[in-house]
Amino acid sequence: RKRLGQELARESAVEADVVIPVPDSGVPAAIGYAAESGIPFELGIIRNHYVGRTFIEPTQHIRQLGVKLKHNANRAIVEGKRIILVDDSVVRGTTSIKIVKMMYEAGAKEVHLRVASPPITHPDFYGIDTPEREQLLASNYDLEGMRDYIGVDSLAFISVDGLYRAMGFNHRDAEHPQLTDHCFTGDYPTPLADRDGEQRTRQLSLLAEIA
């Protein structure tokens, strides 16, 4: 994860005074970003460890309440600063909006969001409780649209190629991806037979022919 942050800093440098992680998942990438960029790393957000992951909560109201209970700004670090927020991912954008607003309310001069994963444009069907595609922020907006929606001065995600470089690969093998990157590319490792009506119909037809 630190290498993801280093690659992210190489791909999307920006002038700032401090690098702040969205705790806890953004900490390793923020450490890497700070090391690569030479910008100081600070814990500008205090996290309540009794609140879990907000993106898997069942309703938007509970997710928003969870964000309020989960994070608090450290004004002494944030006030008057140009800050780079580093998070591990953006799913719906709920957490990002609240934290960015929190940074401005704590006196941040500028807020630049850097994300240590490519944009999540497709849901996962292999055990991670991600929302339907229409609820994914990156599935509904382009980069500028997401920046405006979240309310930051600038927004950047690590590229798919950058992700592979950080993981030790020279490039992504388009025919046989080395990683399960379907959430970023839509290239699922197995057919989504139970999601694709046409595929399901074809399979049932084949079964009928066999019978």
N, C-alpha and C. Protein backbone atom coordinates (compact mmCIF):
# COMPACT_ATOMS: atom_id res chain seq x y z
N ARG A 1 0.83 -1.21 0.00
CA ARG A 1 0.00 0.00 0.00
C ARG A 1 0.86 1.26 0.00
N LYS A 2 2.01 1.21 0.62
CA LYS A 2 2.92 2.36 0.57
C LYS A 2 3.38 2.60 -0.86
N ARG A 3 3.63 1.52 -1.61
CA ARG A 3 4.04 1.68 -3.01
C ARG A 3 2.93 2.29 -3.84
N LEU A 4 1.68 1.98 -3.51
CA LEU A 4 0.55 2.62 -4.20
C LEU A 4 0.60 4.13 -3.99
N GLY A 5 0.88 4.55 -2.77
CA GLY A 5 0.99 5.98 -2.48
C GLY A 5 2.15 6.63 -3.21
N GLN A 6 3.27 5.92 -3.30
CA GLN A 6 4.42 6.46 -4.02
C GLN A 6 4.11 6.63 -5.50
N GLU A 7 3.47 5.63 -6.08
CA GLU A 7 3.10 5.71 -7.50
C GLU A 7 2.08 6.83 -7.72
N LEU A 8 1.15 6.96 -6.80
CA LEU A 8 0.13 8.01 -6.88
C LEU A 8 0.78 9.39 -6.86
N ALA A 9 1.80 9.56 -6.03
CA ALA A 9 2.51 10.85 -5.96
C ALA A 9 3.24 11.14 -7.26
N ARG A 10 3.79 10.10 -7.89
CA ARG A 10 4.47 10.31 -9.17
C ARG A 10 3.48 10.68 -10.27
N GLU A 11 2.30 10.09 -10.22
CA GLU A 11 1.31 10.33 -11.27
C GLU A 11 0.56 11.65 -11.08
N SER A 12 0.36 12.08 -9.84
CA SER A 12 -0.54 13.22 -9.61
C SER A 12 0.00 14.14 -8.52
N ALA A 13 1.16 14.71 -8.80
CA ALA A 13 1.77 15.64 -7.86
C ALA A 13 0.97 16.94 -7.79
N VAL A 14 0.99 17.57 -6.63
CA VAL A 14 0.33 18.87 -6.45
C VAL A 14 1.04 19.59 -5.31
N GLU A 15 1.14 20.91 -5.41
CA GLU A 15 1.78 21.69 -4.34
C GLU A 15 0.87 21.74 -3.13
N ALA A 16 1.43 21.43 -1.97
CA ALA A 16 0.64 21.42 -0.74
C ALA A 16 1.58 21.53 0.46
N ASP A 17 0.98 21.72 1.63
CA ASP A 17 1.76 21.87 2.86
C ASP A 17 1.83 20.60 3.68
N VAL A 18 0.83 19.73 3.53
CA VAL A 18 0.77 18.56 4.39
C VAL A 18 -0.02 17.45 3.70
N VAL A 19 0.38 16.20 3.95
CA VAL A 19 -0.34 15.02 3.48
C VAL A 19 -1.06 14.41 4.66
N ILE A 20 -2.38 14.24 4.52
CA ILE A 20 -3.20 13.72 5.61
C ILE A 20 -3.95 12.49 5.13
N PRO A 21 -3.83 11.37 5.84
CA PRO A 21 -4.58 10.17 5.44
C PRO A 21 -6.01 10.22 5.94
N VAL A 22 -6.90 9.55 5.21
CA VAL A 22 -8.23 9.24 5.73
C VAL A 22 -8.07 7.94 6.50
N PRO A 23 -8.10 7.99 7.83
CA PRO A 23 -7.78 6.79 8.62
C PRO A 23 -8.93 5.79 8.61
N ASP A 24 -8.60 4.50 8.81
CA ASP A 24 -7.23 4.01 8.93
C ASP A 24 -6.70 3.51 7.59
N SER A 25 -7.60 3.22 6.67
CA SER A 25 -7.20 2.53 5.44
C SER A 25 -6.32 3.37 4.54
N GLY A 26 -6.36 4.69 4.68
CA GLY A 26 -5.55 5.54 3.83
C GLY A 26 -4.15 5.80 4.35
N VAL A 27 -3.84 5.31 5.55
CA VAL A 27 -2.56 5.63 6.19
C VAL A 27 -1.35 5.13 5.40
N PRO A 28 -1.27 3.85 5.03
CA PRO A 28 -0.07 3.40 4.31
C PRO A 28 0.18 4.16 3.01
N ALA A 29 -0.87 4.38 2.23
CA ALA A 29 -0.71 5.10 0.96
C ALA A 29 -0.28 6.54 1.21
N ALA A 30 -0.80 7.17 2.26
CA ALA A 30 -0.41 8.54 2.59
C ALA A 30 1.06 8.61 3.00
N ILE A 31 1.52 7.61 3.73
CA ILE A 31 2.94 7.55 4.10
C ILE A 31 3.80 7.47 2.84
N GLY A 32 3.39 6.61 1.90
CA GLY A 32 4.11 6.50 0.64
C GLY A 32 4.07 7.77 -0.17
N TYR A 33 2.90 8.42 -0.22
CA TYR A 33 2.76 9.67 -0.97
C TYR A 33 3.68 10.74 -0.38
N ALA A 34 3.67 10.85 0.95
CA ALA A 34 4.51 11.85 1.61
C ALA A 34 5.99 11.60 1.36
N ALA A 35 6.39 10.33 1.44
CA ALA A 35 7.80 9.99 1.23
C ALA A 35 8.25 10.33 -0.19
N GLU A 36 7.40 10.03 -1.17
CA GLU A 36 7.76 10.28 -2.57
C GLU A 36 7.74 11.76 -2.91
N SER A 37 6.78 12.49 -2.34
CA SER A 37 6.60 13.90 -2.68
C SER A 37 7.47 14.83 -1.84
N GLY A 38 7.91 14.36 -0.68
CA GLY A 38 8.67 15.22 0.22
C GLY A 38 7.80 16.16 1.04
N ILE A 39 6.49 15.99 0.97
CA ILE A 39 5.56 16.82 1.74
C ILE A 39 5.31 16.14 3.09
N PRO A 40 5.32 16.89 4.19
CA PRO A 40 5.17 16.27 5.51
C PRO A 40 3.87 15.49 5.67
N PHE A 41 3.97 14.38 6.38
CA PHE A 41 2.83 13.54 6.73
C PHE A 41 2.34 13.92 8.11
N GLU A 42 1.02 14.12 8.24
CA GLU A 42 0.44 14.45 9.54
C GLU A 42 -0.89 13.72 9.71
N LEU A 43 -1.22 13.40 10.95
CA LEU A 43 -2.51 12.80 11.26
C LEU A 43 -3.50 13.92 11.56
N GLY A 44 -4.10 14.43 10.50
CA GLY A 44 -5.00 15.57 10.62
C GLY A 44 -6.45 15.19 10.86
N ILE A 45 -6.72 13.88 10.88
CA ILE A 45 -8.08 13.39 11.14
C ILE A 45 -8.00 12.37 12.26
N ILE A 46 -8.84 12.54 13.25
CA ILE A 46 -8.91 11.61 14.38
C ILE A 46 -10.06 10.65 14.13
N ARG A 47 -9.77 9.36 14.23
CA ARG A 47 -10.77 8.34 13.92
C ARG A 47 -11.29 7.67 15.19
N ASN A 48 -12.61 7.49 15.24
CA ASN A 48 -13.25 6.71 16.31
C ASN A 48 -13.23 5.24 15.89
N HIS A 49 -12.47 4.42 16.59
CA HIS A 49 -12.31 3.03 16.19
C HIS A 49 -13.48 2.13 16.58
N TYR A 50 -14.51 2.72 17.16
CA TYR A 50 -15.69 1.92 17.50
C TYR A 50 -16.75 1.98 16.41
N VAL A 51 -16.44 2.65 15.30
CA VAL A 51 -17.35 2.72 14.16
C VAL A 51 -16.70 1.99 13.00
N GLY A 52 -17.46 1.12 12.30
CA GLY A 52 -16.91 0.29 11.23
C GLY A 52 -16.94 0.96 9.87
N ARG A 53 -16.79 0.15 8.80
CA ARG A 53 -16.78 0.65 7.44
C ARG A 53 -18.15 1.20 7.07
N THR A 54 -18.20 2.45 6.61
CA THR A 54 -19.49 3.09 6.35
C THR A 54 -20.09 2.69 5.01
N PHE A 55 -19.25 2.32 4.02
CA PHE A 55 -19.82 2.08 2.69
C PHE A 55 -20.68 0.82 2.63
N ILE A 56 -20.58 -0.07 3.65
CA ILE A 56 -21.39 -1.29 3.63
C ILE A 56 -22.64 -1.17 4.49
N GLU A 57 -22.87 0.00 5.09
CA GLU A 57 -24.10 0.18 5.87
C GLU A 57 -25.30 0.19 4.93
N PRO A 58 -26.49 -0.25 5.42
CA PRO A 58 -27.62 -0.50 4.51
C PRO A 58 -28.31 0.74 3.97
N THR A 59 -28.27 1.88 4.68
CA THR A 59 -28.98 3.06 4.20
C THR A 59 -28.06 4.27 4.18
N GLN A 60 -28.43 5.25 3.34
CA GLN A 60 -27.62 6.47 3.22
C GLN A 60 -27.61 7.24 4.53
N HIS A 61 -28.73 7.29 5.23
CA HIS A 61 -28.79 8.02 6.50
C HIS A 61 -27.81 7.44 7.52
N ILE A 62 -27.77 6.11 7.61
CA ILE A 62 -26.84 5.47 8.55
C ILE A 62 -25.41 5.71 8.12
N ARG A 63 -25.14 5.67 6.80
CA ARG A 63 -23.78 5.92 6.32
C ARG A 63 -23.32 7.32 6.68
N GLN A 64 -24.20 8.32 6.50
CA GLN A 64 -23.83 9.70 6.81
C GLN A 64 -23.61 9.88 8.30
N LEU A 65 -24.46 9.28 9.11
CA LEU A 65 -24.29 9.35 10.56
C LEU A 65 -22.99 8.68 10.97
N GLY A 66 -22.67 7.55 10.32
CA GLY A 66 -21.44 6.85 10.64
C GLY A 66 -20.21 7.69 10.37
N VAL A 67 -20.23 8.45 9.27
CA VAL A 67 -19.09 9.32 8.94
C VAL A 67 -18.92 10.39 10.01
N LYS A 68 -20.03 10.98 10.47
CA LYS A 68 -19.96 12.02 11.49
C LYS A 68 -19.38 11.48 12.79
N LEU A 69 -19.77 10.26 13.15
CA LEU A 69 -19.29 9.67 14.40
C LEU A 69 -17.86 9.16 14.27
N LYS A 70 -17.45 8.85 13.06
CA LYS A 70 -16.19 8.14 12.83
C LYS A 70 -14.98 9.06 12.77
N HIS A 71 -15.13 10.28 12.22
CA HIS A 71 -13.98 11.14 11.97
C HIS A 71 -14.16 12.53 12.58
N ASN A 72 -13.05 13.08 13.05
CA ASN A 72 -13.01 14.46 13.53
C ASN A 72 -11.71 15.10 13.06
N ALA A 73 -11.77 16.37 12.68
CA ALA A 73 -10.59 17.07 12.18
C ALA A 73 -9.71 17.55 13.32
N ASN A 74 -8.41 17.51 13.10
CA ASN A 74 -7.43 18.07 14.03
C ASN A 74 -7.10 19.48 13.54
N ARG A 75 -7.82 20.47 14.07
CA ARG A 75 -7.72 21.84 13.57
C ARG A 75 -6.30 22.38 13.64
N ALA A 76 -5.55 22.00 14.65
CA ALA A 76 -4.19 22.51 14.81
C ALA A 76 -3.30 22.16 13.62
N ILE A 77 -3.60 21.05 12.96
CA ILE A 77 -2.82 20.62 11.81
C ILE A 77 -3.41 21.14 10.50
N VAL A 78 -4.73 21.26 10.44
CA VAL A 78 -5.42 21.56 9.19
C VAL A 78 -5.51 23.06 8.90
N GLU A 79 -5.72 23.87 9.90
CA GLU A 79 -6.06 25.28 9.70
C GLU A 79 -4.98 26.04 8.92
N GLY A 80 -5.41 26.73 7.87
CA GLY A 80 -4.52 27.55 7.06
C GLY A 80 -3.62 26.78 6.11
N LYS A 81 -3.81 25.47 6.00
CA LYS A 81 -2.91 24.63 5.21
C LYS A 81 -3.55 24.22 3.88
N ARG A 82 -2.68 24.02 2.89
CA ARG A 82 -3.07 23.34 1.65
C ARG A 82 -2.83 21.86 1.90
N ILE A 83 -3.90 21.07 1.91
CA ILE A 83 -3.74 19.69 2.33
C ILE A 83 -4.02 18.72 1.18
N ILE A 84 -3.31 17.61 1.22
CA ILE A 84 -3.58 16.48 0.33
C ILE A 84 -4.19 15.38 1.18
N LEU A 85 -5.44 15.07 0.92
CA LEU A 85 -6.11 13.94 1.57
C LEU A 85 -5.83 12.69 0.76
N VAL A 86 -5.41 11.63 1.42
CA VAL A 86 -5.16 10.36 0.73
C VAL A 86 -6.09 9.30 1.29
N ASP A 87 -6.88 8.69 0.41
CA ASP A 87 -7.78 7.61 0.81
C ASP A 87 -7.48 6.38 -0.03
N ASP A 88 -7.91 5.22 0.46
CA ASP A 88 -7.61 3.99 -0.28
C ASP A 88 -8.56 3.78 -1.44
N SER A 89 -9.79 4.32 -1.35
CA SER A 89 -10.77 4.13 -2.41
C SER A 89 -11.91 5.12 -2.23
N VAL A 90 -12.68 5.29 -3.29
CA VAL A 90 -13.93 6.05 -3.23
C VAL A 90 -15.01 5.17 -3.83
N VAL A 91 -16.04 4.87 -3.06
CA VAL A 91 -17.11 3.98 -3.53
C VAL A 91 -18.32 4.82 -3.92
N ARG A 92 -19.13 5.20 -2.96
CA ARG A 92 -20.27 6.08 -3.24
C ARG A 92 -19.88 7.56 -3.18
N GLY A 93 -18.84 7.87 -2.43
CA GLY A 93 -18.43 9.25 -2.24
C GLY A 93 -18.94 9.85 -0.95
N THR A 94 -19.75 9.11 -0.19
CA THR A 94 -20.34 9.64 1.05
C THR A 94 -19.27 10.10 2.03
N THR A 95 -18.30 9.24 2.29
CA THR A 95 -17.24 9.58 3.24
C THR A 95 -16.41 10.75 2.74
N SER A 96 -16.09 10.75 1.46
CA SER A 96 -15.25 11.81 0.89
C SER A 96 -15.90 13.18 1.05
N ILE A 97 -17.18 13.28 0.74
CA ILE A 97 -17.88 14.56 0.84
C ILE A 97 -17.83 15.09 2.26
N LYS A 98 -18.13 14.25 3.23
CA LYS A 98 -18.17 14.68 4.62
C LYS A 98 -16.79 15.08 5.13
N ILE A 99 -15.77 14.31 4.76
CA ILE A 99 -14.43 14.61 5.25
C ILE A 99 -13.88 15.88 4.61
N VAL A 100 -14.13 16.06 3.32
CA VAL A 100 -13.69 17.29 2.66
C VAL A 100 -14.35 18.51 3.30
N LYS A 101 -15.65 18.41 3.53
CA LYS A 101 -16.36 19.51 4.20
C LYS A 101 -15.76 19.76 5.58
N MET A 102 -15.44 18.70 6.29
CA MET A 102 -14.84 18.81 7.62
C MET A 102 -13.50 19.53 7.56
N MET A 103 -12.71 19.26 6.52
CA MET A 103 -11.41 19.90 6.37
C MET A 103 -11.56 21.41 6.14
N TYR A 104 -12.50 21.78 5.29
CA TYR A 104 -12.72 23.21 5.05
C TYR A 104 -13.24 23.90 6.31
N GLU A 105 -14.14 23.23 7.03
CA GLU A 105 -14.68 23.82 8.26
C GLU A 105 -13.60 23.97 9.32
N ALA A 106 -12.56 23.13 9.25
CA ALA A 106 -11.44 23.23 10.19
C ALA A 106 -10.41 24.26 9.74
N GLY A 107 -10.67 24.94 8.61
CA GLY A 107 -9.81 26.03 8.18
C GLY A 107 -8.83 25.72 7.08
N ALA A 108 -8.99 24.57 6.41
CA ALA A 108 -8.07 24.24 5.31
C ALA A 108 -8.17 25.29 4.21
N LYS A 109 -7.02 25.69 3.67
CA LYS A 109 -6.98 26.66 2.58
C LYS A 109 -7.34 26.00 1.25
N GLU A 110 -6.79 24.81 1.02
CA GLU A 110 -7.08 24.02 -0.17
C GLU A 110 -7.18 22.56 0.24
N VAL A 111 -8.00 21.80 -0.48
CA VAL A 111 -8.10 20.36 -0.24
C VAL A 111 -7.96 19.64 -1.57
N HIS A 112 -6.96 18.77 -1.65
CA HIS A 112 -6.70 17.97 -2.85
C HIS A 112 -6.84 16.50 -2.47
N LEU A 113 -7.74 15.80 -3.12
CA LEU A 113 -7.99 14.39 -2.79
C LEU A 113 -7.23 13.49 -3.76
N ARG A 114 -6.46 12.57 -3.19
CA ARG A 114 -5.72 11.58 -3.97
C ARG A 114 -6.15 10.19 -3.51
N VAL A 115 -6.48 9.33 -4.48
CA VAL A 115 -7.08 8.03 -4.17
C VAL A 115 -6.16 6.92 -4.66
N ALA A 116 -5.83 5.99 -3.76
CA ALA A 116 -4.84 4.95 -4.05
C ALA A 116 -5.46 3.71 -4.69
N SER A 117 -6.54 3.91 -5.42
CA SER A 117 -7.10 2.86 -6.28
C SER A 117 -7.65 3.56 -7.51
N PRO A 118 -7.76 2.85 -8.62
CA PRO A 118 -8.43 3.46 -9.78
C PRO A 118 -9.91 3.68 -9.46
N PRO A 119 -10.60 4.47 -10.26
CA PRO A 119 -12.04 4.66 -10.03
C PRO A 119 -12.80 3.34 -10.05
N ILE A 120 -13.65 3.13 -9.05
CA ILE A 120 -14.45 1.91 -8.97
C ILE A 120 -15.71 2.11 -9.81
N THR A 121 -15.74 1.46 -10.96
CA THR A 121 -16.83 1.64 -11.90
C THR A 121 -17.77 0.44 -11.98
N HIS A 122 -17.37 -0.69 -11.39
CA HIS A 122 -18.17 -1.91 -11.46
C HIS A 122 -18.24 -2.56 -10.08
N PRO A 123 -19.38 -3.16 -9.74
CA PRO A 123 -19.52 -3.82 -8.44
C PRO A 123 -18.74 -5.13 -8.39
N ASP A 124 -18.51 -5.59 -7.16
CA ASP A 124 -17.86 -6.88 -6.95
C ASP A 124 -18.91 -7.93 -6.62
N PHE A 125 -18.77 -9.12 -7.19
CA PHE A 125 -19.72 -10.20 -6.93
C PHE A 125 -19.05 -11.42 -6.31
N TYR A 126 -17.88 -11.19 -5.70
CA TYR A 126 -17.10 -12.32 -5.18
C TYR A 126 -16.86 -12.21 -3.68
N GLY A 127 -17.75 -11.52 -2.96
CA GLY A 127 -17.64 -11.51 -1.51
C GLY A 127 -17.51 -10.14 -0.87
N ILE A 128 -17.20 -9.10 -1.66
CA ILE A 128 -17.12 -7.75 -1.11
C ILE A 128 -18.47 -7.07 -1.32
N ASP A 129 -19.02 -6.51 -0.25
CA ASP A 129 -20.36 -5.95 -0.30
C ASP A 129 -20.32 -4.54 -0.89
N THR A 130 -20.16 -4.44 -2.20
CA THR A 130 -20.20 -3.15 -2.87
C THR A 130 -21.59 -2.93 -3.46
N PRO A 131 -21.97 -1.67 -3.68
CA PRO A 131 -23.32 -1.39 -4.17
C PRO A 131 -23.50 -1.71 -5.64
N GLU A 132 -24.74 -1.57 -6.09
CA GLU A 132 -25.04 -1.73 -7.51
C GLU A 132 -24.31 -0.65 -8.31
N ARG A 133 -24.12 -0.91 -9.59
CA ARG A 133 -23.30 -0.02 -10.41
C ARG A 133 -23.84 1.41 -10.42
N GLU A 134 -25.16 1.57 -10.45
CA GLU A 134 -25.72 2.92 -10.52
C GLU A 134 -25.46 3.72 -9.25
N GLN A 135 -25.04 3.06 -8.17
CA GLN A 135 -24.72 3.76 -6.92
C GLN A 135 -23.23 4.08 -6.79
N LEU A 136 -22.42 3.59 -7.71
CA LEU A 136 -20.98 3.86 -7.67
C LEU A 136 -20.70 5.23 -8.26
N LEU A 137 -19.99 6.06 -7.53
CA LEU A 137 -19.74 7.43 -7.96
C LEU A 137 -19.06 7.48 -9.32
N ALA A 138 -18.02 6.66 -9.50
CA ALA A 138 -17.25 6.71 -10.75
C ALA A 138 -18.00 6.14 -11.93
N SER A 139 -19.10 5.46 -11.67
CA SER A 139 -19.92 4.93 -12.75
C SER A 139 -20.89 5.98 -13.29
N ASN A 140 -21.06 7.06 -12.53
CA ASN A 140 -22.02 8.10 -12.89
C ASN A 140 -21.39 9.42 -13.32
N TYR A 141 -20.12 9.63 -12.97
CA TYR A 141 -19.47 10.90 -13.26
C TYR A 141 -18.09 10.68 -13.87
N ASP A 142 -17.65 11.63 -14.70
CA ASP A 142 -16.26 11.63 -15.11
C ASP A 142 -15.43 12.28 -14.00
N LEU A 143 -14.13 12.42 -14.23
CA LEU A 143 -13.25 12.92 -13.17
C LEU A 143 -13.65 14.31 -12.69
N GLU A 144 -13.93 15.21 -13.63
CA GLU A 144 -14.32 16.56 -13.25
C GLU A 144 -15.66 16.57 -12.53
N GLY A 145 -16.57 15.71 -12.97
CA GLY A 145 -17.86 15.60 -12.30
C GLY A 145 -17.72 15.10 -10.87
N MET A 146 -16.83 14.13 -10.66
CA MET A 146 -16.58 13.64 -9.30
C MET A 146 -15.93 14.71 -8.44
N ARG A 147 -14.98 15.45 -9.02
CA ARG A 147 -14.33 16.52 -8.27
C ARG A 147 -15.35 17.55 -7.79
N ASP A 148 -16.24 17.93 -8.69
CA ASP A 148 -17.27 18.91 -8.34
C ASP A 148 -18.25 18.34 -7.31
N TYR A 149 -18.62 17.08 -7.47
CA TYR A 149 -19.57 16.43 -6.56
C TYR A 149 -18.99 16.35 -5.14
N ILE A 150 -17.72 15.98 -5.04
CA ILE A 150 -17.09 15.85 -3.73
C ILE A 150 -16.75 17.21 -3.14
N GLY A 151 -16.43 18.18 -4.01
CA GLY A 151 -16.17 19.53 -3.55
C GLY A 151 -14.73 19.82 -3.21
N VAL A 152 -13.79 19.23 -3.96
CA VAL A 152 -12.37 19.44 -3.70
C VAL A 152 -11.74 20.34 -4.76
N ASP A 153 -10.56 20.88 -4.43
CA ASP A 153 -9.84 21.72 -5.39
C ASP A 153 -9.28 20.89 -6.53
N SER A 154 -8.85 19.66 -6.24
CA SER A 154 -8.42 18.75 -7.30
C SER A 154 -8.64 17.32 -6.83
N LEU A 155 -8.76 16.43 -7.81
CA LEU A 155 -9.02 15.01 -7.54
C LEU A 155 -8.22 14.17 -8.51
N ALA A 156 -7.57 13.12 -8.00
CA ALA A 156 -6.86 12.20 -8.88
C ALA A 156 -6.87 10.80 -8.27
N PHE A 157 -6.98 9.81 -9.14
CA PHE A 157 -6.91 8.41 -8.76
C PHE A 157 -5.64 7.82 -9.36
N ILE A 158 -5.11 6.79 -8.72
CA ILE A 158 -4.02 6.06 -9.35
C ILE A 158 -4.58 5.38 -10.61
N SER A 159 -3.77 5.30 -11.65
CA SER A 159 -4.22 4.66 -12.88
C SER A 159 -4.16 3.14 -12.73
N VAL A 160 -4.84 2.44 -13.63
CA VAL A 160 -4.76 0.97 -13.61
C VAL A 160 -3.32 0.53 -13.84
N ASP A 161 -2.63 1.16 -14.79
CA ASP A 161 -1.23 0.82 -15.02
C ASP A 161 -0.37 1.14 -13.80
N GLY A 162 -0.67 2.25 -13.13
CA GLY A 162 0.06 2.60 -11.92
C GLY A 162 -0.15 1.59 -10.81
N LEU A 163 -1.37 1.07 -10.71
CA LEU A 163 -1.68 0.02 -9.74
C LEU A 163 -0.81 -1.20 -10.00
N TYR A 164 -0.71 -1.60 -11.26
CA TYR A 164 0.10 -2.77 -11.61
C TYR A 164 1.59 -2.52 -11.35
N ARG A 165 2.06 -1.32 -11.65
CA ARG A 165 3.47 -1.02 -11.36
C ARG A 165 3.75 -1.10 -9.87
N ALA A 166 2.82 -0.57 -9.06
CA ALA A 166 3.00 -0.61 -7.61
C ALA A 166 3.00 -2.04 -7.08
N MET A 167 2.31 -2.93 -7.79
CA MET A 167 2.25 -4.33 -7.38
C MET A 167 3.40 -5.16 -7.95
N GLY A 168 4.31 -4.51 -8.67
CA GLY A 168 5.51 -5.19 -9.14
C GLY A 168 5.45 -5.72 -10.56
N PHE A 169 4.41 -5.35 -11.31
CA PHE A 169 4.30 -5.78 -12.71
C PHE A 169 4.71 -4.65 -13.64
N ASN A 170 5.24 -5.01 -14.80
CA ASN A 170 5.62 -4.00 -15.78
C ASN A 170 4.39 -3.35 -16.41
N HIS A 171 3.35 -4.16 -16.60
CA HIS A 171 2.12 -3.66 -17.21
C HIS A 171 1.01 -4.68 -16.96
N ARG A 172 -0.20 -4.29 -17.28
CA ARG A 172 -1.35 -5.18 -17.17
C ARG A 172 -1.46 -6.03 -18.43
N ASP A 173 -1.59 -7.32 -18.26
CA ASP A 173 -1.82 -8.23 -19.38
C ASP A 173 -3.31 -8.19 -19.70
N ALA A 174 -3.66 -7.54 -20.79
CA ALA A 174 -5.08 -7.33 -21.12
C ALA A 174 -5.82 -8.63 -21.36
N GLU A 175 -5.13 -9.63 -21.92
CA GLU A 175 -5.79 -10.91 -22.20
C GLU A 175 -5.91 -11.78 -20.95
N HIS A 176 -4.89 -11.72 -20.10
CA HIS A 176 -4.89 -12.52 -18.87
C HIS A 176 -4.42 -11.64 -17.71
N PRO A 177 -5.31 -10.80 -17.18
CA PRO A 177 -4.91 -9.89 -16.10
C PRO A 177 -4.31 -10.64 -14.91
N GLN A 178 -3.22 -10.11 -14.39
CA GLN A 178 -2.54 -10.75 -13.27
C GLN A 178 -3.31 -10.58 -11.97
N LEU A 179 -4.17 -9.56 -11.89
CA LEU A 179 -4.94 -9.27 -10.69
C LEU A 179 -6.43 -9.26 -11.03
N THR A 180 -7.26 -9.49 -10.03
CA THR A 180 -8.71 -9.39 -10.25
C THR A 180 -9.09 -7.91 -10.15
N ASP A 181 -9.01 -7.23 -11.28
CA ASP A 181 -9.22 -5.78 -11.31
C ASP A 181 -10.58 -5.40 -11.88
N HIS A 182 -11.54 -6.32 -11.79
CA HIS A 182 -12.84 -6.12 -12.43
C HIS A 182 -13.59 -4.89 -11.91
N CYS A 183 -13.38 -4.51 -10.66
CA CYS A 183 -14.06 -3.33 -10.12
C CYS A 183 -13.62 -2.05 -10.83
N PHE A 184 -12.42 -2.08 -11.41
CA PHE A 184 -11.88 -0.91 -12.10
C PHE A 184 -12.03 -1.00 -13.62
N THR A 185 -12.07 -2.20 -14.15
CA THR A 185 -12.06 -2.39 -15.60
C THR A 185 -13.33 -3.01 -16.15
N GLY A 186 -14.12 -3.67 -15.30
CA GLY A 186 -15.29 -4.41 -15.78
C GLY A 186 -14.92 -5.74 -16.40
N ASP A 187 -13.65 -6.12 -16.30
CA ASP A 187 -13.16 -7.37 -16.88
C ASP A 187 -13.27 -8.48 -15.83
N TYR A 188 -14.45 -9.06 -15.69
CA TYR A 188 -14.70 -10.07 -14.66
C TYR A 188 -14.03 -11.39 -15.03
N PRO A 189 -13.46 -12.10 -14.05
CA PRO A 189 -12.77 -13.36 -14.34
C PRO A 189 -13.70 -14.51 -14.69
N THR A 190 -14.98 -14.37 -14.36
CA THR A 190 -15.96 -15.41 -14.69
C THR A 190 -17.19 -14.75 -15.31
N PRO A 191 -17.92 -15.45 -16.15
CA PRO A 191 -19.17 -14.89 -16.69
C PRO A 191 -20.17 -14.64 -15.57
N LEU A 192 -20.87 -13.51 -15.64
CA LEU A 192 -21.87 -13.18 -14.63
C LEU A 192 -23.22 -13.74 -15.08
N ALA A 193 -23.31 -15.06 -15.08
CA ALA A 193 -24.48 -15.73 -15.64
C ALA A 193 -25.77 -15.37 -14.91
N ASP A 194 -25.68 -15.18 -13.59
CA ASP A 194 -26.89 -14.88 -12.82
C ASP A 194 -27.25 -13.40 -12.87
N ARG A 195 -26.38 -12.57 -13.50
CA ARG A 195 -26.66 -11.14 -13.63
C ARG A 195 -27.04 -10.77 -15.06
N ASP A 196 -26.64 -11.59 -15.99
CA ASP A 196 -26.82 -11.29 -17.41
C ASP A 196 -27.98 -12.12 -17.95
N GLY A 197 -29.11 -11.48 -18.21
CA GLY A 197 -30.29 -12.21 -18.64
C GLY A 197 -30.08 -12.97 -19.92
N GLU A 198 -29.36 -12.37 -20.87
CA GLU A 198 -29.11 -13.03 -22.15
C GLU A 198 -28.26 -14.27 -21.96
N GLN A 199 -27.23 -14.15 -21.12
CA GLN A 199 -26.35 -15.29 -20.86
C GLN A 199 -27.14 -16.40 -20.16
N ARG A 200 -28.00 -16.02 -19.20
CA ARG A 200 -28.77 -17.02 -18.47
C ARG A 200 -29.72 -17.76 -19.41
N THR A 201 -30.36 -17.01 -20.31
CA THR A 201 -31.27 -17.63 -21.26
C THR A 201 -30.53 -18.60 -22.16
N ARG A 202 -29.34 -18.21 -22.60
CA ARG A 202 -28.56 -19.07 -23.48
C ARG A 202 -28.16 -20.35 -22.76
N GLN A 203 -27.77 -20.23 -21.48
CA GLN A 203 -27.37 -21.41 -20.72
C GLN A 203 -28.56 -22.35 -20.52
N LEU A 204 -29.72 -21.78 -20.20
CA LEU A 204 -30.91 -22.61 -20.02
C LEU A 204 -31.27 -23.32 -21.32
N SER A 205 -31.09 -22.62 -22.43
CA SER A 205 -31.38 -23.21 -23.73
C SER A 205 -30.45 -24.38 -24.01
N LEU A 206 -29.18 -24.22 -23.66
CA LEU A 206 -28.22 -25.31 -23.87
C LEU A 206 -28.58 -26.52 -23.01
N LEU A 207 -29.02 -26.25 -21.77
CA LEU A 207 -29.42 -27.35 -20.89
C LEU A 207 -30.62 -28.08 -21.46
N ALA A 208 -31.55 -27.31 -22.05
CA ALA A 208 -32.73 -27.93 -22.64
C ALA A 208 -32.34 -28.83 -23.81
N GLU A 209 -31.35 -28.38 -24.60
CA GLU A 209 -30.91 -29.18 -25.73
C GLU A 209 -30.27 -30.48 -25.27
N ILE A 210 -29.50 -30.38 -24.16
CA ILE A 210 -28.86 -31.59 -23.62
C ILE A 210 -29.91 -32.57 -23.12
N ALA A 211 -30.95 -32.03 -22.44
CA ALA A 211 -32.00 -32.89 -21.91
C ALA A 211 -32.77 -33.56 -23.05
